[in-house]
């Protein structure tokens, strides 16, 4: 996963995606993950369990600067 000023890019051996921040409807944060909501039927899940504490803090700060987070 790579974040930049324009969006988020994910890459895996068989698939990849690029989502621009302007495409997000809202962001939902739970204790386990962030859900970057694109529409009623589509969201990108970012699991917290695979992140170090420092990475979680950085990601939290980044998404809070983008848009208000729904809970």
PDB file of N, CA and C in Angstrom:
ATOM      1  N   UNK A   1       0.840  -1.160   0.000  1.00  0.00           N
ATOM      2  CA  UNK A   1       0.000   0.000   0.000  1.00  0.00           C
ATOM      3  C   UNK A   1       0.895   1.236   0.000  1.00  0.00           C
ATOM      4  N   UNK A   2       0.566   2.179  -0.886  1.00  0.00           N
ATOM      5  CA  UNK A   2       1.295   3.428  -0.976  1.00  0.00           C
ATOM      6  C   UNK A   2       0.303   4.582  -0.939  1.00  0.00           C
ATOM      7  N   UNK A   3       0.590   5.570  -0.115  1.00  0.00           N
ATOM      8  CA  UNK A   3      -0.239   6.765  -0.016  1.00  0.00           C
ATOM      9  C   UNK A   3       0.519   7.952  -0.581  1.00  0.00           C
ATOM     10  N   UNK A   4      -0.201   8.815  -1.279  1.00  0.00           N
ATOM     11  CA  UNK A   4       0.386  10.076  -1.701  1.00  0.00           C
ATOM     12  C   UNK A   4      -0.711  11.134  -1.704  1.00  0.00           C
ATOM     13  N   UNK A   5      -0.390  12.325  -2.142  1.00  0.00           N
ATOM     14  CA  UNK A   5      -1.365  13.415  -2.105  1.00  0.00           C
ATOM     15  C   UNK A   5      -2.577  13.183  -3.004  1.00  0.00           C
ATOM     16  N   UNK A   6      -2.441  12.319  -3.990  1.00  0.00           N
ATOM     17  CA  UNK A   6      -3.534  12.089  -4.933  1.00  0.00           C
ATOM     18  C   UNK A   6      -4.405  10.890  -4.589  1.00  0.00           C
ATOM     19  N   UNK A   7      -3.845   9.888  -3.885  1.00  0.00           N
ATOM     20  CA  UNK A   7      -4.653   8.709  -3.610  1.00  0.00           C
ATOM     21  C   UNK A   7      -3.879   7.593  -2.946  1.00  0.00           C
ATOM     22  N   UNK A   8      -4.487   6.426  -2.985  1.00  0.00           N
ATOM     23  CA  UNK A   8      -3.918   5.222  -2.382  1.00  0.00           C
ATOM     24  C   UNK A   8      -3.757   4.168  -3.471  1.00  0.00           C
ATOM     25  N   UNK A   9      -2.610   3.523  -3.474  1.00  0.00           N
ATOM     26  CA  UNK A   9      -2.317   2.476  -4.441  1.00  0.00           C
ATOM     27  C   UNK A   9      -2.042   1.189  -3.684  1.00  0.00           C
ATOM     28  N   UNK A  10      -2.687   0.119  -4.112  1.00  0.00           N
ATOM     29  CA  UNK A  10      -2.415  -1.193  -3.536  1.00  0.00           C
ATOM     30  C   UNK A  10      -1.924  -2.106  -4.649  1.00  0.00           C
ATOM     31  N   UNK A  11      -0.971  -2.951  -4.314  1.00  0.00           N
ATOM     32  CA  UNK A  11      -0.462  -3.911  -5.286  1.00  0.00           C
ATOM     33  C   UNK A  11      -0.307  -5.269  -4.625  1.00  0.00           C
ATOM     34  N   UNK A  12      -0.667  -6.278  -5.364  1.00  0.00           N
ATOM     35  CA  UNK A  12      -0.526  -7.668  -4.970  1.00  0.00           C
ATOM     36  C   UNK A  12      -0.047  -8.416  -6.206  1.00  0.00           C
ATOM     37  N   UNK A  13       0.444  -9.630  -6.058  1.00  0.00           N
ATOM     38  CA  UNK A  13       0.957 -10.346  -7.225  1.00  0.00           C
ATOM     39  C   UNK A  13      -0.034 -10.471  -8.385  1.00  0.00           C
ATOM     40  N   UNK A  14      -1.329 -10.597  -8.100  1.00  0.00           N
ATOM     41  CA  UNK A  14      -2.302 -10.817  -9.175  1.00  0.00           C
ATOM     42  C   UNK A  14      -3.224  -9.643  -9.448  1.00  0.00           C
ATOM     43  N   UNK A  15      -3.178  -8.604  -8.618  1.00  0.00           N
ATOM     44  CA  UNK A  15      -4.108  -7.489  -8.803  1.00  0.00           C
ATOM     45  C   UNK A  15      -3.525  -6.220  -8.183  1.00  0.00           C
ATOM     46  N   UNK A  16      -3.953  -5.097  -8.690  1.00  0.00           N
ATOM     47  CA  UNK A  16      -3.554  -3.813  -8.136  1.00  0.00           C
ATOM     48  C   UNK A  16      -4.681  -2.817  -8.320  1.00  0.00           C
ATOM     49  N   UNK A  17      -4.657  -1.748  -7.524  1.00  0.00           N
ATOM     50  CA  UNK A  17      -5.684  -0.727  -7.694  1.00  0.00           C
ATOM     51  C   UNK A  17      -5.138   0.632  -7.308  1.00  0.00           C
ATOM     52  N   UNK A  18      -5.762   1.638  -7.840  1.00  0.00           N
ATOM     53  CA  UNK A  18      -5.431   3.033  -7.537  1.00  0.00           C
ATOM     54  C   UNK A  18      -6.741   3.756  -7.294  1.00  0.00           C
ATOM     55  N   UNK A  19      -6.900   4.380  -6.131  1.00  0.00           N
ATOM     56  CA  UNK A  19      -8.109   5.121  -5.797  1.00  0.00           C
ATOM     57  C   UNK A  19      -7.700   6.544  -5.443  1.00  0.00           C
ATOM     58  N   UNK A  20      -8.284   7.496  -6.115  1.00  0.00           N
ATOM     59  CA  UNK A  20      -8.005   8.896  -5.811  1.00  0.00           C
ATOM     60  C   UNK A  20      -8.791   9.311  -4.574  1.00  0.00           C
ATOM     61  N   UNK A  21      -8.202  10.166  -3.748  1.00  0.00           N
ATOM     62  CA  UNK A  21      -8.872  10.619  -2.535  1.00  0.00           C
ATOM     63  C   UNK A  21     -10.206  11.276  -2.854  1.00  0.00           C
ATOM     64  N   UNK A  22     -10.299  11.950  -3.983  1.00  0.00           N
ATOM     65  CA  UNK A  22     -11.547  12.626  -4.346  1.00  0.00           C
ATOM     66  C   UNK A  22     -12.675  11.634  -4.614  1.00  0.00           C
ATOM     67  N   UNK A  23     -12.355  10.368  -4.802  1.00  0.00           N
ATOM     68  CA  UNK A  23     -13.380   9.347  -5.041  1.00  0.00           C
ATOM     69  C   UNK A  23     -14.033   8.869  -3.748  1.00  0.00           C
ATOM     70  N   UNK A  24     -13.419   9.162  -2.599  1.00  0.00           N
ATOM     71  CA  UNK A  24     -13.948   8.673  -1.330  1.00  0.00           C
ATOM     72  C   UNK A  24     -15.210   9.416  -0.923  1.00  0.00           C
ATOM     73  N   UNK A  25     -16.187   8.656  -0.496  1.00  0.00           N
ATOM     74  CA  UNK A  25     -17.401   9.222   0.076  1.00  0.00           C
ATOM     75  C   UNK A  25     -17.138   9.622   1.525  1.00  0.00           C
ATOM     76  N   UNK A  26     -16.594   8.680   2.286  1.00  0.00           N
ATOM     77  CA  UNK A  26     -16.229   8.918   3.675  1.00  0.00           C
ATOM     78  C   UNK A  26     -15.343   7.788   4.174  1.00  0.00           C
ATOM     79  N   UNK A  27     -14.825   7.958   5.375  1.00  0.00           N
ATOM     80  CA  UNK A  27     -13.941   6.963   5.977  1.00  0.00           C
ATOM     81  C   UNK A  27     -14.551   6.529   7.305  1.00  0.00           C
ATOM     82  N   UNK A  28     -14.665   5.224   7.485  1.00  0.00           N
ATOM     83  CA  UNK A  28     -15.177   4.674   8.744  1.00  0.00           C
ATOM     84  C   UNK A  28     -14.011   4.017   9.465  1.00  0.00           C
ATOM     85  N   UNK A  29     -13.838   4.368  10.735  1.00  0.00           N
ATOM     86  CA  UNK A  29     -12.775   3.763  11.536  1.00  0.00           C
ATOM     87  C   UNK A  29     -13.390   2.888  12.611  1.00  0.00           C
ATOM     88  N   UNK A  30     -12.892   1.670  12.713  1.00  0.00           N
ATOM     89  CA  UNK A  30     -13.286   0.742  13.770  1.00  0.00           C
ATOM     90  C   UNK A  30     -12.012   0.325  14.508  1.00  0.00           C
ATOM     91  N   UNK A  31     -12.115  -0.389  15.603  1.00  0.00           N
ATOM     92  CA  UNK A  31     -10.902  -0.840  16.291  1.00  0.00           C
ATOM     93  C   UNK A  31     -10.020  -1.751  15.433  1.00  0.00           C
ATOM     94  N   UNK A  32     -10.602  -2.445  14.460  1.00  0.00           N
ATOM     95  CA  UNK A  32      -9.851  -3.398  13.642  1.00  0.00           C
ATOM     96  C   UNK A  32      -9.360  -2.854  12.304  1.00  0.00           C
ATOM     97  N   UNK A  33     -10.060  -1.837  11.762  1.00  0.00           N
ATOM     98  CA  UNK A  33      -9.737  -1.401  10.400  1.00  0.00           C
ATOM     99  C   UNK A  33     -10.289  -0.021  10.091  1.00  0.00           C
ATOM    100  N   UNK A  34      -9.805   0.522   8.971  1.00  0.00           N
ATOM    101  CA  UNK A  34     -10.419   1.693   8.359  1.00  0.00           C
ATOM    102  C   UNK A  34     -11.115   1.197   7.101  1.00  0.00           C
ATOM    103  N   UNK A  35     -12.288   1.745   6.820  1.00  0.00           N
ATOM    104  CA  UNK A  35     -13.012   1.442   5.594  1.00  0.00           C
ATOM    105  C   UNK A  35     -13.082   2.728   4.783  1.00  0.00           C
ATOM    106  N   UNK A  36     -12.388   2.725   3.656  1.00  0.00           N
ATOM    107  CA  UNK A  36     -12.384   3.880   2.772  1.00  0.00           C
ATOM    108  C   UNK A  36     -13.549   3.684   1.806  1.00  0.00           C
ATOM    109  N   UNK A  37     -14.656   4.325   2.092  1.00  0.00           N
ATOM    110  CA  UNK A  37     -15.917   4.083   1.395  1.00  0.00           C
ATOM    111  C   UNK A  37     -15.974   4.888   0.104  1.00  0.00           C
ATOM    112  N   UNK A  38     -16.218   4.158  -0.989  1.00  0.00           N
ATOM    113  CA  UNK A  38     -16.347   4.771  -2.305  1.00  0.00           C
ATOM    114  C   UNK A  38     -17.814   4.956  -2.678  1.00  0.00           C
ATOM    115  N   UNK A  39     -18.631   3.985  -2.309  1.00  0.00           N
ATOM    116  CA  UNK A  39     -20.061   4.018  -2.613  1.00  0.00           C
ATOM    117  C   UNK A  39     -20.776   3.053  -1.669  1.00  0.00           C
ATOM    118  N   UNK A  40     -22.067   2.912  -1.825  1.00  0.00           N
ATOM    119  CA  UNK A  40     -22.813   1.962  -0.992  1.00  0.00           C
ATOM    120  C   UNK A  40     -22.325   0.525  -1.161  1.00  0.00           C
ATOM    121  N   UNK A  41     -21.774   0.222  -2.325  1.00  0.00           N
ATOM    122  CA  UNK A  41     -21.378  -1.156  -2.634  1.00  0.00           C
ATOM    123  C   UNK A  41     -19.868  -1.387  -2.645  1.00  0.00           C
ATOM    124  N   UNK A  42     -19.079  -0.341  -2.421  1.00  0.00           N
ATOM    125  CA  UNK A  42     -17.644  -0.512  -2.591  1.00  0.00           C
ATOM    126  C   UNK A  42     -16.853   0.250  -1.524  1.00  0.00           C
ATOM    127  N   UNK A  43     -15.885  -0.452  -0.930  1.00  0.00           N
ATOM    128  CA  UNK A  43     -14.992   0.163   0.052  1.00  0.00           C
ATOM    129  C   UNK A  43     -13.651  -0.560   0.032  1.00  0.00           C
ATOM    130  N   UNK A  44     -12.639   0.155   0.351  1.00  0.00           N
ATOM    131  CA  UNK A  44     -11.306  -0.415   0.482  1.00  0.00           C
ATOM    132  C   UNK A  44     -11.045  -0.594   1.968  1.00  0.00           C
ATOM    133  N   UNK A  45     -10.694  -1.801   2.388  1.00  0.00           N
ATOM    134  CA  UNK A  45     -10.440  -2.096   3.795  1.00  0.00           C
ATOM    135  C   UNK A  45      -8.948  -2.021   4.069  1.00  0.00           C
ATOM    136  N   UNK A  46      -8.590  -1.253   5.092  1.00  0.00           N
ATOM    137  CA  UNK A  46      -7.198  -1.165   5.532  1.00  0.00           C
ATOM    138  C   UNK A  46      -7.146  -1.713   6.952  1.00  0.00           C
ATOM    139  N   UNK A  47      -6.635  -2.931   7.092  1.00  0.00           N
ATOM    140  CA  UNK A  47      -6.591  -3.613   8.388  1.00  0.00           C
ATOM    141  C   UNK A  47      -5.517  -3.009   9.286  1.00  0.00           C
ATOM    142  N   UNK A  48      -5.884  -2.760  10.528  1.00  0.00           N
ATOM    143  CA  UNK A  48      -4.930  -2.227  11.504  1.00  0.00           C
ATOM    144  C   UNK A  48      -4.031  -3.313  12.075  1.00  0.00           C
ATOM    145  N   UNK A  49      -4.486  -4.548  12.068  1.00  0.00           N
ATOM    146  CA  UNK A  49      -3.764  -5.639  12.722  1.00  0.00           C
ATOM    147  C   UNK A  49      -2.388  -5.898  12.129  1.00  0.00           C
ATOM    148  N   UNK A  50      -2.182  -5.529  10.893  1.00  0.00           N
ATOM    149  CA  UNK A  50      -0.886  -5.774  10.244  1.00  0.00           C
ATOM    150  C   UNK A  50       0.047  -4.576  10.339  1.00  0.00           C
ATOM    151  N   UNK A  51      -0.368  -3.541  11.073  1.00  0.00           N
ATOM    152  CA  UNK A  51       0.427  -2.324  11.175  1.00  0.00           C
ATOM    153  C   UNK A  51       1.111  -2.226  12.535  1.00  0.00           C
ATOM    154  N   UNK A  52       2.291  -1.636  12.534  1.00  0.00           N
ATOM    155  CA  UNK A  52       2.948  -1.303  13.794  1.00  0.00           C
ATOM    156  C   UNK A  52       2.208  -0.112  14.399  1.00  0.00           C
ATOM    157  N   UNK A  53       2.437   0.152  15.649  1.00  0.00           N
ATOM    158  CA  UNK A  53       1.814   1.301  16.304  1.00  0.00           C
ATOM    159  C   UNK A  53       2.155   2.612  15.624  1.00  0.00           C
ATOM    160  N   UNK A  54       3.418   2.769  15.218  1.00  0.00           N
ATOM    161  CA  UNK A  54       3.841   3.990  14.538  1.00  0.00           C
ATOM    162  C   UNK A  54       3.146   4.147  13.190  1.00  0.00           C
ATOM    163  N   UNK A  55       3.022   3.045  12.461  1.00  0.00           N
ATOM    164  CA  UNK A  55       2.350   3.110  11.161  1.00  0.00           C
ATOM    165  C   UNK A  55       0.871   3.437  11.328  1.00  0.00           C
ATOM    166  N   UNK A  56       0.233   2.866  12.342  1.00  0.00           N
ATOM    167  CA  UNK A  56      -1.176   3.195  12.622  1.00  0.00           C
ATOM    168  C   UNK A  56      -1.339   4.688  12.886  1.00  0.00           C
ATOM    169  N   UNK A  57      -0.449   5.229  13.708  1.00  0.00           N
ATOM    170  CA  UNK A  57      -0.522   6.653  14.046  1.00  0.00           C
ATOM    171  C   UNK A  57      -0.340   7.516  12.803  1.00  0.00           C
ATOM    172  N   UNK A  58       0.603   7.153  11.947  1.00  0.00           N
ATOM    173  CA  UNK A  58       0.831   7.898  10.716  1.00  0.00           C
ATOM    174  C   UNK A  58      -0.373   7.828   9.794  1.00  0.00           C
ATOM    175  N   UNK A  59      -0.934   6.625   9.635  1.00  0.00           N
ATOM    176  CA  UNK A  59      -2.099   6.460   8.763  1.00  0.00           C
ATOM    177  C   UNK A  59      -3.295   7.230   9.327  1.00  0.00           C
ATOM    178  N   UNK A  60      -3.505   7.162  10.648  1.00  0.00           N
ATOM    179  CA  UNK A  60      -4.610   7.883  11.284  1.00  0.00           C
ATOM    180  C   UNK A  60      -4.489   9.379  11.025  1.00  0.00           C
ATOM    181  N   UNK A  61      -3.315   9.919  11.211  1.00  0.00           N
ATOM    182  CA  UNK A  61      -3.091  11.346  10.967  1.00  0.00           C
ATOM    183  C   UNK A  61      -3.369  11.689   9.501  1.00  0.00           C
ATOM    184  N   UNK A  62      -2.905  10.842   8.611  1.00  0.00           N
ATOM    185  CA  UNK A  62      -3.076  11.076   7.183  1.00  0.00           C
ATOM    186  C   UNK A  62      -4.558  11.119   6.800  1.00  0.00           C
ATOM    187  N   UNK A  63      -5.333  10.128   7.240  1.00  0.00           N
ATOM    188  CA  UNK A  63      -6.742  10.098   6.842  1.00  0.00           C
ATOM    189  C   UNK A  63      -7.554  11.196   7.527  1.00  0.00           C
ATOM    190  N   UNK A  64      -7.175  11.585   8.737  1.00  0.00           N
ATOM    191  CA  UNK A  64      -7.892  12.668   9.407  1.00  0.00           C
ATOM    192  C   UNK A  64      -7.669  13.999   8.699  1.00  0.00           C
ATOM    193  N   UNK A  65      -6.526  14.154   8.060  1.00  0.00           N
ATOM    194  CA  UNK A  65      -6.274  15.369   7.278  1.00  0.00           C
ATOM    195  C   UNK A  65      -7.072  15.381   5.983  1.00  0.00           C
ATOM    196  N   UNK A  66      -7.411  14.201   5.471  1.00  0.00           N
ATOM    197  CA  UNK A  66      -8.166  14.110   4.219  1.00  0.00           C
ATOM    198  C   UNK A  66      -9.619  14.527   4.385  1.00  0.00           C
ATOM    199  N   UNK A  67     -10.281  13.879   5.309  1.00  0.00           N
ATOM    200  CA  UNK A  67     -11.717  14.061   5.517  1.00  0.00           C
ATOM    201  C   UNK A  67     -12.065  13.717   6.952  1.00  0.00           C
ATOM    202  N   UNK A  68     -13.189  14.243   7.420  1.00  0.00           N
ATOM    203  CA  UNK A  68     -13.657  13.796   8.737  1.00  0.00           C
ATOM    204  C   UNK A  68     -13.920  12.292   8.706  1.00  0.00           C
ATOM    205  N   UNK A  69     -13.630  11.619   9.794  1.00  0.00           N
ATOM    206  CA  UNK A  69     -13.844  10.175   9.874  1.00  0.00           C
ATOM    207  C   UNK A  69     -15.169   9.892  10.542  1.00  0.00           C
ATOM    208  N   UNK A  70     -16.015   9.090   9.883  1.00  0.00           N
ATOM    209  CA  UNK A  70     -17.299   8.668  10.454  1.00  0.00           C
ATOM    210  C   UNK A  70     -17.045   7.512  11.403  1.00  0.00           C
ATOM    211  N   UNK A  71     -17.809   7.424  12.473  1.00  0.00           N
ATOM    212  CA  UNK A  71     -17.652   6.300  13.409  1.00  0.00           C
ATOM    213  C   UNK A  71     -18.975   5.613  13.583  1.00  0.00           C
TER     214      UNK A  71
END
